[in-house]
């Protein structure tokens, strides 16, 4: 499958912002690696961002007094900050400085990333079609994958804590699916 042609091929003399949306373990990273391969083969400019690089510190997303699923959906990222300092700047800026999360230290390191003058900007992550972000994308691909298939892709150690999935991740995913209908709202839906 020629992924670049399926998303629209050439994008003229501007930046094209592509979202790769899907729930955890749906195959987003694998799809992004395929896109990277095709872009490099065709010598086309691009930049890739992983939304999980911009999560907030643990104290802001765990044990906040909110239900676990709400912490995951509403507090995992600073949605407003990302809207104003990341998404809003993708089309116009030559470079962008972002706080990359360092999990082992639970801190952020600012990094400045150059943006291609023309080309594809790919953003991979969950919940990309939330109302605060959807309008920043030129096109969104949604990877639809059954919950049990995704759960079976987790490590055996991770699978031992099924209650975390039931209380945190799956309730947030259900909220996202029921409120935003990502499979139907995406420009392209891929079953993985």
C-alpha atoms as a PDB file:
ATOM      1  CA  UNK A   1       0.000   0.000   0.000  1.00  0.00           C
ATOM      2  CA  UNK A   2       1.416   3.354  -0.985  1.00  0.00           C
ATOM      3  CA  UNK A   3       0.546   5.299   2.135  1.00  0.00           C
ATOM      4  CA  UNK A   4       1.619   8.648   0.758  1.00  0.00           C
ATOM      5  CA  UNK A   5      -0.780   8.422  -2.167  1.00  0.00           C
ATOM      6  CA  UNK A   6      -3.591   7.318   0.124  1.00  0.00           C
ATOM      7  CA  UNK A   7      -3.242  10.493   2.197  1.00  0.00           C
ATOM      8  CA  UNK A   8      -3.105  12.764  -0.800  1.00  0.00           C
ATOM      9  CA  UNK A   9       0.332  12.395  -2.346  1.00  0.00           C
ATOM     10  CA  UNK A  10       1.987  15.727  -3.036  1.00  0.00           C
ATOM     11  CA  UNK A  11       0.993  18.656  -0.878  1.00  0.00           C
ATOM     12  CA  UNK A  12       2.184  21.560  -2.951  1.00  0.00           C
ATOM     13  CA  UNK A  13       4.401  24.246  -1.516  1.00  0.00           C
ATOM     14  CA  UNK A  14       3.196  24.153   2.049  1.00  0.00           C
ATOM     15  CA  UNK A  15       3.217  22.031   5.151  1.00  0.00           C
ATOM     16  CA  UNK A  16       0.626  19.335   5.482  1.00  0.00           C
ATOM     17  CA  UNK A  17      -0.259  18.238   9.024  1.00  0.00           C
ATOM     18  CA  UNK A  18      -1.249  14.580   9.243  1.00  0.00           C
ATOM     19  CA  UNK A  19      -2.591  12.988  12.413  1.00  0.00           C
ATOM     20  CA  UNK A  20      -2.166   9.304  13.126  1.00  0.00           C
ATOM     21  CA  UNK A  21      -4.883   8.657  15.705  1.00  0.00           C
ATOM     22  CA  UNK A  22      -5.727   5.410  17.413  1.00  0.00           C
ATOM     23  CA  UNK A  23      -6.032   3.893  20.840  1.00  0.00           C
ATOM     24  CA  UNK A  24      -3.063   2.375  22.663  1.00  0.00           C
ATOM     25  CA  UNK A  25      -1.316  -0.486  20.857  1.00  0.00           C
ATOM     26  CA  UNK A  26      -3.406  -0.018  17.711  1.00  0.00           C
ATOM     27  CA  UNK A  27      -0.352   0.139  15.427  1.00  0.00           C
ATOM     28  CA  UNK A  28       0.254   3.902  15.202  1.00  0.00           C
ATOM     29  CA  UNK A  29       4.030   3.670  15.597  1.00  0.00           C
ATOM     30  CA  UNK A  30       4.270   0.914  12.985  1.00  0.00           C
ATOM     31  CA  UNK A  31       2.282   3.016  10.510  1.00  0.00           C
ATOM     32  CA  UNK A  32       4.478   6.048  11.200  1.00  0.00           C
ATOM     33  CA  UNK A  33       7.593   3.939  10.563  1.00  0.00           C
ATOM     34  CA  UNK A  34       6.132   2.888   7.193  1.00  0.00           C
ATOM     35  CA  UNK A  35       5.421   6.530   6.327  1.00  0.00           C
ATOM     36  CA  UNK A  36       8.960   7.526   7.351  1.00  0.00           C
ATOM     37  CA  UNK A  37      10.366   4.825   5.065  1.00  0.00           C
ATOM     38  CA  UNK A  38       8.312   6.047   2.104  1.00  0.00           C
ATOM     39  CA  UNK A  39       9.156   9.715   2.737  1.00  0.00           C
ATOM     40  CA  UNK A  40      12.876   8.949   2.912  1.00  0.00           C
ATOM     41  CA  UNK A  41      12.685   6.763  -0.201  1.00  0.00           C
ATOM     42  CA  UNK A  42      11.101   9.651  -2.086  1.00  0.00           C
ATOM     43  CA  UNK A  43      13.447  12.204  -0.472  1.00  0.00           C
ATOM     44  CA  UNK A  44      10.531  14.272   0.801  1.00  0.00           C
ATOM     45  CA  UNK A  45      10.858  16.608   3.793  1.00  0.00           C
ATOM     46  CA  UNK A  46       9.004  15.664   6.973  1.00  0.00           C
ATOM     47  CA  UNK A  47       8.958  15.907  10.743  1.00  0.00           C
ATOM     48  CA  UNK A  48       7.382  13.397  13.126  1.00  0.00           C
ATOM     49  CA  UNK A  49       6.053  14.130  16.604  1.00  0.00           C
ATOM     50  CA  UNK A  50       4.836  11.593  19.170  1.00  0.00           C
ATOM     51  CA  UNK A  51       2.204  13.063  21.469  1.00  0.00           C
ATOM     52  CA  UNK A  52       3.437  10.923  24.369  1.00  0.00           C
ATOM     53  CA  UNK A  53       6.668  12.954  24.326  1.00  0.00           C
ATOM     54  CA  UNK A  54       4.650  15.854  25.758  1.00  0.00           C
ATOM     55  CA  UNK A  55       2.811  14.316  28.703  1.00  0.00           C
ATOM     56  CA  UNK A  56       2.868  16.233  31.981  1.00  0.00           C
ATOM     57  CA  UNK A  57       4.589  15.274  35.228  1.00  0.00           C
ATOM     58  CA  UNK A  58       3.110  12.391  37.247  1.00  0.00           C
ATOM     59  CA  UNK A  59       1.772  14.647  40.028  1.00  0.00           C
ATOM     60  CA  UNK A  60      -0.404  16.432  37.454  1.00  0.00           C
ATOM     61  CA  UNK A  61      -1.936  13.206  36.068  1.00  0.00           C
ATOM     62  CA  UNK A  62      -2.072  10.714  38.974  1.00  0.00           C
ATOM     63  CA  UNK A  63      -3.824  10.891  42.343  1.00  0.00           C
ATOM     64  CA  UNK A  64      -5.412  14.250  41.556  1.00  0.00           C
ATOM     65  CA  UNK A  65      -8.771  13.486  43.119  1.00  0.00           C
ATOM     66  CA  UNK A  66     -10.392  12.904  39.729  1.00  0.00           C
ATOM     67  CA  UNK A  67     -11.378   9.485  38.465  1.00  0.00           C
ATOM     68  CA  UNK A  68      -8.483   7.634  36.832  1.00  0.00           C
ATOM     69  CA  UNK A  69     -10.022   7.723  33.356  1.00  0.00           C
ATOM     70  CA  UNK A  70     -10.520  11.495  33.655  1.00  0.00           C
ATOM     71  CA  UNK A  71      -6.882  11.934  34.660  1.00  0.00           C
ATOM     72  CA  UNK A  72      -5.843  10.020  31.565  1.00  0.00           C
ATOM     73  CA  UNK A  73      -8.127  11.768  29.100  1.00  0.00           C
ATOM     74  CA  UNK A  74      -8.134  15.309  30.523  1.00  0.00           C
ATOM     75  CA  UNK A  75      -4.837  15.632  32.438  1.00  0.00           C
ATOM     76  CA  UNK A  76      -2.249  13.430  30.685  1.00  0.00           C
ATOM     77  CA  UNK A  77      -1.407  16.368  28.402  1.00  0.00           C
ATOM     78  CA  UNK A  78      -1.765  20.091  28.924  1.00  0.00           C
ATOM     79  CA  UNK A  79      -4.326  20.342  26.143  1.00  0.00           C
ATOM     80  CA  UNK A  80      -4.535  24.141  26.071  1.00  0.00           C
ATOM     81  CA  UNK A  81      -0.760  24.643  26.194  1.00  0.00           C
ATOM     82  CA  UNK A  82      -0.256  22.199  23.334  1.00  0.00           C
ATOM     83  CA  UNK A  83      -2.979  23.946  21.340  1.00  0.00           C
ATOM     84  CA  UNK A  84      -1.298  27.340  21.722  1.00  0.00           C
ATOM     85  CA  UNK A  85       2.404  26.427  21.716  1.00  0.00           C
ATOM     86  CA  UNK A  86       2.536  23.365  19.493  1.00  0.00           C
ATOM     87  CA  UNK A  87      -0.394  22.802  17.134  1.00  0.00           C
ATOM     88  CA  UNK A  88      -0.991  26.474  16.384  1.00  0.00           C
ATOM     89  CA  UNK A  89       2.650  26.994  15.352  1.00  0.00           C
ATOM     90  CA  UNK A  90       3.066  24.014  13.035  1.00  0.00           C
ATOM     91  CA  UNK A  91       2.130  25.812   9.812  1.00  0.00           C
ATOM     92  CA  UNK A  92       4.022  29.078  10.270  1.00  0.00           C
ATOM     93  CA  UNK A  93       7.151  28.658  12.395  1.00  0.00           C
ATOM     94  CA  UNK A  94      10.605  27.656  11.098  1.00  0.00           C
ATOM     95  CA  UNK A  95      11.307  25.819  14.326  1.00  0.00           C
ATOM     96  CA  UNK A  96       9.469  24.957  17.488  1.00  0.00           C
ATOM     97  CA  UNK A  97      10.689  24.567  21.065  1.00  0.00           C
ATOM     98  CA  UNK A  98       8.871  21.909  23.053  1.00  0.00           C
ATOM     99  CA  UNK A  99       9.158  20.344  26.505  1.00  0.00           C
ATOM    100  CA  UNK A 100       9.987  16.662  25.943  1.00  0.00           C
ATOM    101  CA  UNK A 101       9.056  14.462  28.881  1.00  0.00           C
ATOM    102  CA  UNK A 102      11.813  12.421  30.509  1.00  0.00           C
ATOM    103  CA  UNK A 103      10.050   9.598  32.353  1.00  0.00           C
ATOM    104  CA  UNK A 104      12.959   8.355  34.458  1.00  0.00           C
ATOM    105  CA  UNK A 105      13.349  11.824  35.995  1.00  0.00           C
ATOM    106  CA  UNK A 106       9.690  12.926  35.692  1.00  0.00           C
ATOM    107  CA  UNK A 107      10.878  16.217  34.200  1.00  0.00           C
ATOM    108  CA  UNK A 108      10.935  17.972  30.843  1.00  0.00           C
ATOM    109  CA  UNK A 109      13.844  18.963  28.635  1.00  0.00           C
ATOM    110  CA  UNK A 110      13.255  21.752  26.125  1.00  0.00           C
ATOM    111  CA  UNK A 111      14.301  20.852  22.592  1.00  0.00           C
ATOM    112  CA  UNK A 112      14.133  22.991  19.499  1.00  0.00           C
ATOM    113  CA  UNK A 113      12.959  21.088  16.437  1.00  0.00           C
ATOM    114  CA  UNK A 114      13.340  22.499  12.913  1.00  0.00           C
ATOM    115  CA  UNK A 115      10.235  22.306  10.742  1.00  0.00           C
ATOM    116  CA  UNK A 116      10.477  21.705   6.997  1.00  0.00           C
ATOM    117  CA  UNK A 117       9.650  24.717   4.852  1.00  0.00           C
ATOM    118  CA  UNK A 118       7.461  22.416   2.795  1.00  0.00           C
ATOM    119  CA  UNK A 119       6.480  18.857   3.516  1.00  0.00           C
ATOM    120  CA  UNK A 120       4.661  16.556   5.837  1.00  0.00           C
ATOM    121  CA  UNK A 121       4.316  16.978   9.585  1.00  0.00           C
ATOM    122  CA  UNK A 122       3.106  13.783  11.215  1.00  0.00           C
ATOM    123  CA  UNK A 123       1.663  13.712  14.716  1.00  0.00           C
ATOM    124  CA  UNK A 124       1.071  10.322  16.287  1.00  0.00           C
ATOM    125  CA  UNK A 125      -1.020   9.895  19.397  1.00  0.00           C
ATOM    126  CA  UNK A 126      -4.260   9.005  21.126  1.00  0.00           C
ATOM    127  CA  UNK A 127      -7.270  11.293  21.296  1.00  0.00           C
ATOM    128  CA  UNK A 128      -6.098  13.542  18.433  1.00  0.00           C
ATOM    129  CA  UNK A 129      -9.665  14.242  17.323  1.00  0.00           C
ATOM    130  CA  UNK A 130     -10.637  15.932  20.582  1.00  0.00           C
ATOM    131  CA  UNK A 131     -12.367  19.241  19.897  1.00  0.00           C
ATOM    132  CA  UNK A 132      -9.375  21.358  20.949  1.00  0.00           C
ATOM    133  CA  UNK A 133      -7.039  19.777  18.375  1.00  0.00           C
ATOM    134  CA  UNK A 134      -9.034  18.369  15.444  1.00  0.00           C
ATOM    135  CA  UNK A 135      -9.068  21.585  13.404  1.00  0.00           C
ATOM    136  CA  UNK A 136      -5.259  21.808  13.322  1.00  0.00           C
ATOM    137  CA  UNK A 137      -4.969  18.736  11.075  1.00  0.00           C
ATOM    138  CA  UNK A 138      -5.227  18.669   7.306  1.00  0.00           C
ATOM    139  CA  UNK A 139      -6.036  14.967   7.442  1.00  0.00           C
ATOM    140  CA  UNK A 140      -6.388  12.299  10.128  1.00  0.00           C
ATOM    141  CA  UNK A 141      -5.901   8.566   9.808  1.00  0.00           C
ATOM    142  CA  UNK A 142      -7.557   6.506  12.532  1.00  0.00           C
ATOM    143  CA  UNK A 143      -6.357   2.980  13.290  1.00  0.00           C
ATOM    144  CA  UNK A 144      -9.261   0.883  14.490  1.00  0.00           C
ATOM    145  CA  UNK A 145      -8.243  -2.207  16.439  1.00  0.00           C
ATOM    146  CA  UNK A 146     -10.252  -4.380  18.852  1.00  0.00           C
ATOM    147  CA  UNK A 147      -9.543  -3.899  22.568  1.00  0.00           C
ATOM    148  CA  UNK A 148      -8.518  -7.512  23.236  1.00  0.00           C
ATOM    149  CA  UNK A 149      -6.102  -7.485  20.284  1.00  0.00           C
ATOM    150  CA  UNK A 150      -4.522  -4.318  21.644  1.00  0.00           C
ATOM    151  CA  UNK A 151      -4.398  -5.714  25.178  1.00  0.00           C
ATOM    152  CA  UNK A 152      -2.677  -8.870  23.921  1.00  0.00           C
ATOM    153  CA  UNK A 153       0.069  -6.677  22.422  1.00  0.00           C
ATOM    154  CA  UNK A 154       1.019  -5.506  25.926  1.00  0.00           C
ATOM    155  CA  UNK A 155       3.878  -7.196  27.766  1.00  0.00           C
ATOM    156  CA  UNK A 156       2.973 -10.039  30.115  1.00  0.00           C
ATOM    157  CA  UNK A 157       4.042  -7.893  33.072  1.00  0.00           C
ATOM    158  CA  UNK A 158       1.804  -5.011  31.997  1.00  0.00           C
ATOM    159  CA  UNK A 159      -1.160  -7.339  31.438  1.00  0.00           C
ATOM    160  CA  UNK A 160      -1.031  -8.389  35.104  1.00  0.00           C
ATOM    161  CA  UNK A 161      -2.481  -4.989  36.088  1.00  0.00           C
ATOM    162  CA  UNK A 162      -5.751  -5.367  34.169  1.00  0.00           C
ATOM    163  CA  UNK A 163      -7.597  -3.165  36.692  1.00  0.00           C
ATOM    164  CA  UNK A 164      -5.498  -0.184  35.568  1.00  0.00           C
ATOM    165  CA  UNK A 165      -6.693  -0.759  32.020  1.00  0.00           C
ATOM    166  CA  UNK A 166     -10.300  -1.142  33.167  1.00  0.00           C
ATOM    167  CA  UNK A 167     -10.310   1.957  35.393  1.00  0.00           C
ATOM    168  CA  UNK A 168      -7.931   4.309  33.585  1.00  0.00           C
ATOM    169  CA  UNK A 169      -7.344   3.516  29.935  1.00  0.00           C
ATOM    170  CA  UNK A 170     -10.466   1.712  28.752  1.00  0.00           C
ATOM    171  CA  UNK A 171     -12.932   4.099  30.379  1.00  0.00           C
ATOM    172  CA  UNK A 172     -11.104   7.032  28.780  1.00  0.00           C
ATOM    173  CA  UNK A 173     -11.104   5.244  25.427  1.00  0.00           C
ATOM    174  CA  UNK A 174     -14.837   4.561  25.724  1.00  0.00           C
ATOM    175  CA  UNK A 175     -15.427   8.230  26.518  1.00  0.00           C
ATOM    176  CA  UNK A 176     -13.404   9.266  23.446  1.00  0.00           C
ATOM    177  CA  UNK A 177     -15.179   6.796  21.154  1.00  0.00           C
ATOM    178  CA  UNK A 178     -18.651   7.709  22.390  1.00  0.00           C
ATOM    179  CA  UNK A 179     -18.095  11.463  22.347  1.00  0.00           C
ATOM    180  CA  UNK A 180     -15.912  11.960  19.244  1.00  0.00           C
ATOM    181  CA  UNK A 181     -16.627   8.895  17.070  1.00  0.00           C
ATOM    182  CA  UNK A 182     -13.017   8.829  15.809  1.00  0.00           C
ATOM    183  CA  UNK A 183     -13.424   5.964  13.317  1.00  0.00           C
ATOM    184  CA  UNK A 184     -16.273   7.782  11.575  1.00  0.00           C
ATOM    185  CA  UNK A 185     -14.763  11.268  11.911  1.00  0.00           C
ATOM    186  CA  UNK A 186     -11.329  10.440  10.521  1.00  0.00           C
ATOM    187  CA  UNK A 187     -10.508  11.115   6.881  1.00  0.00           C
ATOM    188  CA  UNK A 188      -9.117   7.597   6.529  1.00  0.00           C
ATOM    189  CA  UNK A 189      -9.884   4.621   8.764  1.00  0.00           C
ATOM    190  CA  UNK A 190      -7.587   1.595   8.767  1.00  0.00           C
ATOM    191  CA  UNK A 191      -8.500  -1.625  10.521  1.00  0.00           C
ATOM    192  CA  UNK A 192      -5.429  -3.037  12.229  1.00  0.00           C
END
